[in-house]
N, C-alpha and C. Protein backbone atom coordinates (compact mmCIF):
# COMPACT_ATOMS: atom_id res chain seq x y z
N UNK A 1 292.73 108.11 136.29
CA UNK A 1 292.27 109.11 135.31
C UNK A 1 292.88 108.81 133.95
N UNK A 2 292.16 109.15 132.91
CA UNK A 2 292.64 108.88 131.55
C UNK A 2 293.89 109.69 131.22
N UNK A 3 294.21 110.68 132.09
CA UNK A 3 295.40 111.49 131.82
C UNK A 3 296.66 110.65 131.76
N UNK A 4 296.71 109.53 132.50
CA UNK A 4 297.88 108.65 132.45
C UNK A 4 298.04 108.02 131.08
N UNK A 5 296.94 107.78 130.41
CA UNK A 5 296.98 107.10 129.11
C UNK A 5 296.93 108.06 127.93
N UNK A 6 296.50 109.27 128.14
CA UNK A 6 296.45 110.23 127.03
C UNK A 6 297.81 110.43 126.38
N UNK A 7 298.89 110.62 127.15
CA UNK A 7 300.20 110.76 126.50
C UNK A 7 300.63 109.49 125.75
N UNK A 8 300.28 108.33 126.28
CA UNK A 8 300.63 107.08 125.60
C UNK A 8 299.87 106.95 124.29
N UNK A 9 298.59 107.31 124.29
CA UNK A 9 297.79 107.25 123.07
C UNK A 9 298.27 108.30 122.06
N UNK A 10 298.77 109.42 122.55
CA UNK A 10 299.23 110.49 121.66
C UNK A 10 300.58 110.19 121.03
N UNK A 11 301.33 109.28 121.61
CA UNK A 11 302.69 108.99 121.14
C UNK A 11 302.90 107.53 120.76
N UNK A 12 301.89 106.94 120.14
CA UNK A 12 302.03 105.55 119.69
C UNK A 12 303.18 105.44 118.71
N UNK A 13 303.88 104.33 118.76
CA UNK A 13 304.95 104.07 117.81
C UNK A 13 304.31 103.60 116.51
N UNK A 14 304.24 104.49 115.54
CA UNK A 14 303.63 104.18 114.25
C UNK A 14 304.63 104.43 113.13
N UNK A 15 304.46 103.74 112.04
CA UNK A 15 305.32 103.94 110.88
C UNK A 15 305.03 105.31 110.28
N UNK A 16 306.06 106.14 110.22
CA UNK A 16 305.92 107.47 109.63
C UNK A 16 306.69 107.47 108.32
N UNK A 17 305.94 107.65 107.24
CA UNK A 17 306.56 107.60 105.92
C UNK A 17 305.77 108.52 105.00
N UNK A 18 306.26 109.73 104.83
CA UNK A 18 305.55 110.73 104.03
C UNK A 18 305.43 110.35 102.57
N UNK A 19 306.27 109.45 102.10
CA UNK A 19 306.16 109.04 100.70
C UNK A 19 305.11 107.95 100.51
N UNK A 20 304.63 107.34 101.61
CA UNK A 20 303.62 106.29 101.49
C UNK A 20 302.28 106.73 102.07
N UNK A 21 302.31 107.26 103.28
CA UNK A 21 301.07 107.68 103.95
C UNK A 21 300.74 109.11 103.56
N UNK A 22 299.47 109.42 103.56
CA UNK A 22 299.01 110.74 103.10
C UNK A 22 298.82 111.70 104.27
N UNK A 23 298.54 112.94 103.93
CA UNK A 23 298.29 113.96 104.94
C UNK A 23 297.09 113.59 105.80
N UNK A 24 296.11 112.89 105.24
CA UNK A 24 294.92 112.50 105.99
C UNK A 24 295.29 111.75 107.27
N UNK A 25 296.33 110.92 107.20
CA UNK A 25 296.79 110.18 108.37
C UNK A 25 298.05 110.81 108.96
N UNK A 26 298.25 112.07 108.67
CA UNK A 26 299.43 112.81 109.15
C UNK A 26 300.72 112.08 108.80
N UNK A 27 300.72 111.50 107.60
CA UNK A 27 301.88 110.80 107.04
C UNK A 27 302.37 109.66 107.94
N UNK A 28 301.42 109.00 108.60
CA UNK A 28 301.76 107.88 109.48
C UNK A 28 300.75 106.76 109.31
N UNK A 29 301.18 105.55 109.59
CA UNK A 29 300.30 104.39 109.51
C UNK A 29 299.19 104.50 110.56
N UNK A 30 297.94 104.33 110.15
CA UNK A 30 296.81 104.48 111.08
C UNK A 30 296.38 103.19 111.77
N UNK A 31 297.12 102.12 111.59
CA UNK A 31 296.73 100.81 112.10
C UNK A 31 296.39 100.80 113.59
N UNK A 32 297.32 101.27 114.42
CA UNK A 32 297.11 101.22 115.87
C UNK A 32 295.95 102.10 116.31
N UNK A 33 295.84 103.35 115.81
CA UNK A 33 294.66 104.15 116.18
C UNK A 33 293.35 103.47 115.77
N UNK A 34 293.30 102.90 114.57
CA UNK A 34 292.08 102.21 114.13
C UNK A 34 291.75 101.04 115.04
N UNK A 35 292.76 100.27 115.42
CA UNK A 35 292.52 99.13 116.30
C UNK A 35 291.97 99.59 117.65
N UNK A 36 292.58 100.60 118.22
CA UNK A 36 292.11 101.10 119.52
C UNK A 36 290.70 101.65 119.43
N UNK A 37 290.41 102.40 118.37
CA UNK A 37 289.05 102.94 118.21
C UNK A 37 288.05 101.81 118.00
N UNK A 38 288.45 100.77 117.29
CA UNK A 38 287.57 99.62 117.06
C UNK A 38 287.22 98.94 118.38
N UNK A 39 288.22 98.74 119.22
CA UNK A 39 287.97 98.12 120.53
C UNK A 39 287.04 99.00 121.35
N UNK A 40 287.28 100.30 121.33
CA UNK A 40 286.41 101.22 122.09
C UNK A 40 284.98 101.17 121.58
N UNK A 41 284.81 101.09 120.27
CA UNK A 41 283.46 100.98 119.70
C UNK A 41 282.76 99.73 120.22
N UNK A 42 283.47 98.62 120.21
CA UNK A 42 282.88 97.36 120.64
C UNK A 42 282.60 97.33 122.14
N UNK A 43 283.39 98.06 122.89
CA UNK A 43 283.09 98.21 124.33
C UNK A 43 281.82 99.02 124.51
N UNK A 44 281.69 100.08 123.72
CA UNK A 44 280.49 100.93 123.81
C UNK A 44 279.23 100.14 123.45
N UNK A 45 279.36 99.17 122.56
CA UNK A 45 278.23 98.34 122.13
C UNK A 45 278.03 97.13 123.04
N UNK A 46 278.85 97.01 124.06
CA UNK A 46 278.83 95.85 124.97
C UNK A 46 279.14 94.53 124.27
N UNK A 47 279.86 94.59 123.15
CA UNK A 47 280.33 93.38 122.49
C UNK A 47 281.54 92.86 123.25
N UNK A 48 282.42 93.78 123.64
CA UNK A 48 283.56 93.42 124.47
C UNK A 48 283.21 93.84 125.90
N UNK A 49 283.04 92.84 126.76
CA UNK A 49 282.66 93.10 128.15
C UNK A 49 283.76 92.71 129.13
N UNK A 50 284.60 91.80 128.71
CA UNK A 50 285.69 91.34 129.56
C UNK A 50 287.01 91.87 128.99
N UNK A 51 288.02 91.88 129.82
CA UNK A 51 289.32 92.37 129.39
C UNK A 51 290.04 91.28 128.59
N UNK A 52 289.44 90.92 127.48
CA UNK A 52 290.02 89.96 126.56
C UNK A 52 289.47 90.27 125.18
N UNK A 53 290.37 90.60 124.27
CA UNK A 53 289.98 91.01 122.92
C UNK A 53 290.48 89.96 121.93
N UNK A 54 289.56 89.39 121.18
CA UNK A 54 289.93 88.44 120.14
C UNK A 54 290.03 89.21 118.82
N UNK A 55 290.99 88.84 118.02
CA UNK A 55 291.23 89.54 116.76
C UNK A 55 289.99 89.50 115.86
N UNK A 56 289.28 88.39 115.84
CA UNK A 56 288.09 88.29 115.00
C UNK A 56 286.97 89.24 115.45
N UNK A 57 286.95 89.57 116.75
CA UNK A 57 285.91 90.47 117.26
C UNK A 57 286.06 91.88 116.70
N UNK A 58 287.29 92.31 116.46
CA UNK A 58 287.52 93.69 116.03
C UNK A 58 287.78 93.84 114.53
N UNK A 59 287.87 92.74 113.83
CA UNK A 59 288.23 92.77 112.41
C UNK A 59 287.30 93.62 111.55
N UNK A 60 285.99 93.42 111.65
CA UNK A 60 285.05 94.16 110.80
C UNK A 60 285.09 95.65 111.07
N UNK A 61 285.16 96.03 112.34
CA UNK A 61 285.18 97.46 112.68
C UNK A 61 286.48 98.09 112.21
N UNK A 62 287.59 97.41 112.43
CA UNK A 62 288.89 97.88 111.94
C UNK A 62 288.83 98.10 110.43
N UNK A 63 288.30 97.13 109.71
CA UNK A 63 288.21 97.25 108.25
C UNK A 63 287.31 98.40 107.83
N UNK A 64 286.26 98.65 108.57
CA UNK A 64 285.37 99.78 108.26
C UNK A 64 286.12 101.11 108.36
N UNK A 65 286.87 101.29 109.44
CA UNK A 65 287.70 102.51 109.56
C UNK A 65 288.67 102.59 108.38
N UNK A 66 289.33 101.47 108.09
CA UNK A 66 290.33 101.45 107.03
C UNK A 66 289.71 101.86 105.69
N UNK A 67 288.59 101.26 105.35
CA UNK A 67 287.94 101.52 104.06
C UNK A 67 287.48 102.96 103.93
N UNK A 68 287.11 103.58 105.02
CA UNK A 68 286.64 104.96 104.96
C UNK A 68 287.77 105.98 104.86
N UNK A 69 288.91 105.68 105.45
CA UNK A 69 289.99 106.67 105.53
C UNK A 69 291.13 106.40 104.55
N UNK A 70 291.52 105.16 104.36
CA UNK A 70 292.63 104.85 103.45
C UNK A 70 292.27 103.68 102.52
N UNK A 71 291.22 103.85 101.73
CA UNK A 71 290.75 102.73 100.90
C UNK A 71 291.73 102.30 99.82
N UNK A 72 292.65 103.17 99.46
CA UNK A 72 293.60 102.86 98.40
C UNK A 72 294.84 102.09 98.89
N UNK A 73 294.91 101.82 100.19
CA UNK A 73 296.05 101.11 100.77
C UNK A 73 295.61 99.73 101.25
N UNK A 74 296.51 98.79 101.19
CA UNK A 74 296.23 97.45 101.72
C UNK A 74 296.61 97.42 103.19
N UNK A 75 295.91 96.57 103.94
CA UNK A 75 296.20 96.48 105.35
C UNK A 75 295.92 95.10 105.90
N UNK A 76 296.40 94.89 107.08
CA UNK A 76 296.08 93.68 107.84
C UNK A 76 296.01 94.07 109.31
N UNK A 77 294.97 93.63 109.97
CA UNK A 77 294.82 93.90 111.39
C UNK A 77 295.89 93.17 112.21
N UNK A 78 296.53 92.18 111.61
CA UNK A 78 297.55 91.40 112.31
C UNK A 78 298.67 92.31 112.82
N UNK A 79 299.09 93.26 112.01
CA UNK A 79 300.21 94.12 112.39
C UNK A 79 299.93 94.92 113.66
N UNK A 80 298.85 95.68 113.70
CA UNK A 80 298.63 96.44 114.94
C UNK A 80 298.27 95.54 116.12
N UNK A 81 297.55 94.47 115.87
CA UNK A 81 297.16 93.59 116.97
C UNK A 81 298.41 93.04 117.65
N UNK A 82 299.38 92.66 116.86
CA UNK A 82 300.63 92.15 117.43
C UNK A 82 301.50 93.27 117.98
N UNK A 83 301.79 94.28 117.19
CA UNK A 83 302.77 95.31 117.57
C UNK A 83 302.28 96.27 118.65
N UNK A 84 301.00 96.31 118.90
CA UNK A 84 300.50 97.20 119.96
C UNK A 84 301.05 96.78 121.32
N UNK A 85 301.50 95.54 121.45
CA UNK A 85 302.06 95.11 122.74
C UNK A 85 303.32 95.91 123.11
N UNK A 86 303.97 96.51 122.13
CA UNK A 86 305.15 97.32 122.40
C UNK A 86 304.82 98.64 123.09
N UNK A 87 303.55 99.00 123.14
CA UNK A 87 303.14 100.27 123.77
C UNK A 87 303.06 100.17 125.29
N UNK A 88 303.05 98.94 125.81
CA UNK A 88 303.09 98.75 127.25
C UNK A 88 301.75 98.56 127.93
N UNK A 89 300.65 98.93 127.29
CA UNK A 89 299.33 98.78 127.92
C UNK A 89 298.50 97.68 127.28
N UNK A 90 298.99 97.05 126.23
CA UNK A 90 298.31 96.00 125.47
C UNK A 90 299.14 94.73 125.63
N UNK A 91 298.50 93.68 126.07
CA UNK A 91 299.23 92.46 126.39
C UNK A 91 298.65 91.28 125.62
N UNK A 92 299.50 90.64 124.84
CA UNK A 92 299.07 89.48 124.07
C UNK A 92 298.87 88.29 125.00
N UNK A 93 297.85 87.50 124.70
CA UNK A 93 297.57 86.28 125.44
C UNK A 93 297.92 85.12 124.50
N UNK A 94 299.06 84.46 124.77
CA UNK A 94 299.49 83.41 123.84
C UNK A 94 298.71 82.11 124.01
N UNK A 95 298.71 81.34 122.97
CA UNK A 95 298.20 79.97 123.01
C UNK A 95 299.11 79.20 123.97
N UNK A 96 298.54 78.26 124.70
CA UNK A 96 299.32 77.46 125.65
C UNK A 96 300.55 76.87 124.96
N UNK A 97 301.69 77.06 125.60
CA UNK A 97 302.95 76.54 125.08
C UNK A 97 303.62 77.43 124.04
N UNK A 98 303.00 78.55 123.71
CA UNK A 98 303.55 79.44 122.66
C UNK A 98 304.05 80.77 123.21
N UNK A 99 304.09 80.93 124.53
CA UNK A 99 304.46 82.22 125.14
C UNK A 99 305.84 82.68 124.71
N UNK A 100 306.81 81.78 124.70
CA UNK A 100 308.17 82.18 124.34
C UNK A 100 308.25 82.62 122.89
N UNK A 101 307.59 81.91 122.00
CA UNK A 101 307.59 82.29 120.59
C UNK A 101 306.98 83.68 120.42
N UNK A 102 305.87 83.94 121.12
CA UNK A 102 305.21 85.24 121.03
C UNK A 102 306.12 86.32 121.62
N UNK A 103 306.74 86.03 122.75
CA UNK A 103 307.63 86.99 123.41
C UNK A 103 308.81 87.35 122.51
N UNK A 104 309.35 86.36 121.81
CA UNK A 104 310.51 86.59 120.95
C UNK A 104 310.14 87.27 119.64
N UNK A 105 308.87 87.36 119.35
CA UNK A 105 308.44 88.05 118.15
C UNK A 105 308.18 87.13 117.00
N UNK A 106 309.24 86.58 116.46
CA UNK A 106 309.05 85.68 115.33
C UNK A 106 308.37 86.37 114.17
N UNK A 107 307.81 85.58 113.30
CA UNK A 107 307.15 86.10 112.11
C UNK A 107 305.64 85.98 112.28
N UNK A 108 305.07 86.96 112.96
CA UNK A 108 303.61 86.98 113.12
C UNK A 108 303.08 88.04 112.16
N UNK A 109 303.00 87.66 110.89
CA UNK A 109 302.58 88.62 109.88
C UNK A 109 301.37 88.15 109.09
N UNK A 110 300.82 87.00 109.48
CA UNK A 110 299.64 86.51 108.78
C UNK A 110 298.57 86.14 109.80
N UNK A 111 297.33 86.13 109.37
CA UNK A 111 296.23 85.77 110.25
C UNK A 111 296.40 84.33 110.73
N UNK A 112 296.85 83.44 109.85
CA UNK A 112 297.06 82.05 110.23
C UNK A 112 298.08 81.91 111.35
N UNK A 113 299.19 82.63 111.22
CA UNK A 113 300.23 82.58 112.24
C UNK A 113 299.73 83.20 113.55
N UNK A 114 298.96 84.27 113.44
CA UNK A 114 298.41 84.91 114.63
C UNK A 114 297.52 83.92 115.38
N UNK A 115 296.65 83.27 114.66
CA UNK A 115 295.73 82.31 115.29
C UNK A 115 296.47 81.12 115.88
N UNK A 116 297.58 80.75 115.28
CA UNK A 116 298.38 79.64 115.78
C UNK A 116 299.07 79.99 117.09
N UNK A 117 299.42 81.25 117.28
CA UNK A 117 300.23 81.66 118.42
C UNK A 117 299.52 82.48 119.48
N UNK A 118 298.46 83.21 119.10
CA UNK A 118 297.85 84.17 120.02
C UNK A 118 296.35 83.93 120.13
N UNK A 119 295.88 83.84 121.37
CA UNK A 119 294.44 83.70 121.63
C UNK A 119 293.73 85.05 121.53
N UNK A 120 294.41 86.09 121.97
CA UNK A 120 293.83 87.42 121.99
C UNK A 120 294.76 88.38 122.71
N UNK A 121 294.18 89.46 123.22
CA UNK A 121 294.98 90.45 123.94
C UNK A 121 294.13 91.04 125.05
N UNK A 122 294.80 91.71 125.96
CA UNK A 122 294.10 92.40 127.02
C UNK A 122 294.82 93.71 127.31
N UNK A 123 294.06 94.66 127.88
CA UNK A 123 294.63 95.94 128.30
C UNK A 123 295.16 95.83 129.72
N UNK A 124 295.97 96.80 130.12
CA UNK A 124 296.24 96.97 131.55
C UNK A 124 294.88 97.01 132.24
N UNK A 125 294.79 96.45 133.43
CA UNK A 125 293.52 96.47 134.16
C UNK A 125 293.01 97.89 134.37
N UNK A 126 293.93 98.81 134.69
CA UNK A 126 293.53 100.21 134.91
C UNK A 126 292.92 100.80 133.64
N UNK A 127 293.56 100.60 132.51
CA UNK A 127 293.04 101.13 131.25
C UNK A 127 291.71 100.50 130.91
N UNK A 128 291.58 99.20 131.08
CA UNK A 128 290.31 98.55 130.79
C UNK A 128 289.19 99.15 131.64
N UNK A 129 289.47 99.38 132.90
CA UNK A 129 288.48 100.01 133.78
C UNK A 129 288.10 101.40 133.29
N UNK A 130 289.08 102.17 132.88
CA UNK A 130 288.81 103.52 132.36
C UNK A 130 287.97 103.47 131.09
N UNK A 131 288.24 102.48 130.25
CA UNK A 131 287.51 102.37 128.99
C UNK A 131 286.07 101.90 129.17
N UNK A 132 285.72 101.47 130.37
CA UNK A 132 284.34 101.11 130.66
C UNK A 132 283.45 102.35 130.75
N UNK A 133 284.08 103.51 130.92
CA UNK A 133 283.36 104.77 131.11
C UNK A 133 283.30 105.52 129.77
N UNK A 134 282.09 105.85 129.33
CA UNK A 134 281.90 106.51 128.04
C UNK A 134 282.70 107.80 127.93
N UNK A 135 282.73 108.60 128.96
CA UNK A 135 283.45 109.88 128.92
C UNK A 135 284.95 109.64 128.67
N UNK A 136 285.51 108.66 129.35
CA UNK A 136 286.93 108.36 129.18
C UNK A 136 287.21 107.82 127.78
N UNK A 137 286.35 106.93 127.30
CA UNK A 137 286.52 106.42 125.93
C UNK A 137 286.52 107.59 124.94
N UNK A 138 285.58 108.50 125.13
CA UNK A 138 285.48 109.65 124.24
C UNK A 138 286.77 110.49 124.29
N UNK A 139 287.27 110.74 125.49
CA UNK A 139 288.50 111.54 125.64
C UNK A 139 289.68 110.86 124.94
N UNK A 140 289.82 109.57 125.14
CA UNK A 140 290.94 108.86 124.53
C UNK A 140 290.77 108.73 123.02
N UNK A 141 289.53 108.58 122.56
CA UNK A 141 289.27 108.57 121.12
C UNK A 141 289.67 109.91 120.51
N UNK A 142 289.34 110.99 121.20
CA UNK A 142 289.69 112.33 120.70
C UNK A 142 291.21 112.48 120.59
N UNK A 143 291.94 111.94 121.56
CA UNK A 143 293.40 111.99 121.50
C UNK A 143 293.88 111.29 120.23
N UNK A 144 293.33 110.12 119.95
CA UNK A 144 293.73 109.38 118.74
C UNK A 144 293.38 110.16 117.47
N UNK A 145 292.17 110.64 117.40
CA UNK A 145 291.71 111.35 116.20
C UNK A 145 292.53 112.61 115.97
N UNK A 146 292.75 113.38 117.01
CA UNK A 146 293.48 114.65 116.86
C UNK A 146 294.96 114.46 116.56
N UNK A 147 295.55 113.39 117.06
CA UNK A 147 296.98 113.19 116.87
C UNK A 147 297.36 112.44 115.61
N UNK A 148 296.43 111.67 115.05
CA UNK A 148 296.80 110.81 113.93
C UNK A 148 296.04 111.10 112.64
N UNK A 149 295.11 112.05 112.68
CA UNK A 149 294.31 112.30 111.48
C UNK A 149 294.11 113.80 111.26
N UNK A 150 294.15 114.19 110.01
CA UNK A 150 293.90 115.57 109.61
C UNK A 150 292.47 115.94 109.97
N UNK A 151 292.22 117.18 110.26
CA UNK A 151 290.90 117.63 110.71
C UNK A 151 289.79 117.30 109.70
N UNK A 152 290.12 117.23 108.42
CA UNK A 152 289.10 116.89 107.42
C UNK A 152 288.58 115.47 107.60
N UNK A 153 289.36 114.59 108.23
CA UNK A 153 288.94 113.21 108.47
C UNK A 153 288.14 113.06 109.76
N UNK A 154 288.19 114.06 110.62
CA UNK A 154 287.52 113.95 111.94
C UNK A 154 286.02 113.66 111.83
N UNK A 155 285.28 114.36 110.98
CA UNK A 155 283.84 114.05 110.89
C UNK A 155 283.57 112.62 110.41
N UNK A 156 284.39 112.13 109.50
CA UNK A 156 284.22 110.76 109.01
C UNK A 156 284.46 109.77 110.14
N UNK A 157 285.54 109.98 110.87
CA UNK A 157 285.87 109.09 111.99
C UNK A 157 284.79 109.12 113.06
N UNK A 158 284.26 110.29 113.33
CA UNK A 158 283.23 110.40 114.37
C UNK A 158 281.92 109.77 113.88
N UNK A 159 281.69 109.76 112.57
CA UNK A 159 280.46 109.15 112.07
C UNK A 159 280.54 107.61 112.11
N UNK A 160 281.75 107.08 112.06
CA UNK A 160 281.94 105.64 112.11
C UNK A 160 281.74 105.12 113.53
N UNK A 161 282.19 105.89 114.49
CA UNK A 161 282.16 105.44 115.88
C UNK A 161 280.74 105.07 116.32
N UNK A 162 280.67 104.11 117.17
CA UNK A 162 279.37 103.67 117.67
C UNK A 162 279.08 104.26 119.05
N UNK A 163 279.95 105.16 119.49
CA UNK A 163 279.80 105.78 120.80
C UNK A 163 278.65 106.77 120.77
N UNK A 164 277.82 106.70 121.75
CA UNK A 164 276.75 107.70 121.84
C UNK A 164 276.90 108.42 123.17
N UNK A 165 277.24 109.69 123.07
CA UNK A 165 277.42 110.50 124.28
C UNK A 165 276.27 111.45 124.45
């Protein structure tokens, strides 16, 4: 059941900085929620069918969310794509021979470095299975929207999503 993942989605480790982030994002970096919503959108569109997510597959959708909600801030999908592995349900798939470098962290702060070290990422098998179901995707999307965005942003976020329920 998605209940196992709802608390994890509600408590993502995000940068909280009221002097940088606005009330729209509840004074927290929206990178990880945008990345997760982007993956869910692409699953709903059958673009992502296997439990393997390439950074280039989610880039345009991530940027669309970013431009609609925080257009005045600069961003890079590299940060959430890499750091989401700290949440426990997102697992980086390293390039052959690069597993130790990826595990140790290093400086993965550019798209070039990401491509050099990481092929993509995958979810826990259980979570990937749950995300195959539209109802579960919707529930988990709602957790993200309600926990990381002010209610005034909810209609915008829902209009971006490609989910049709």
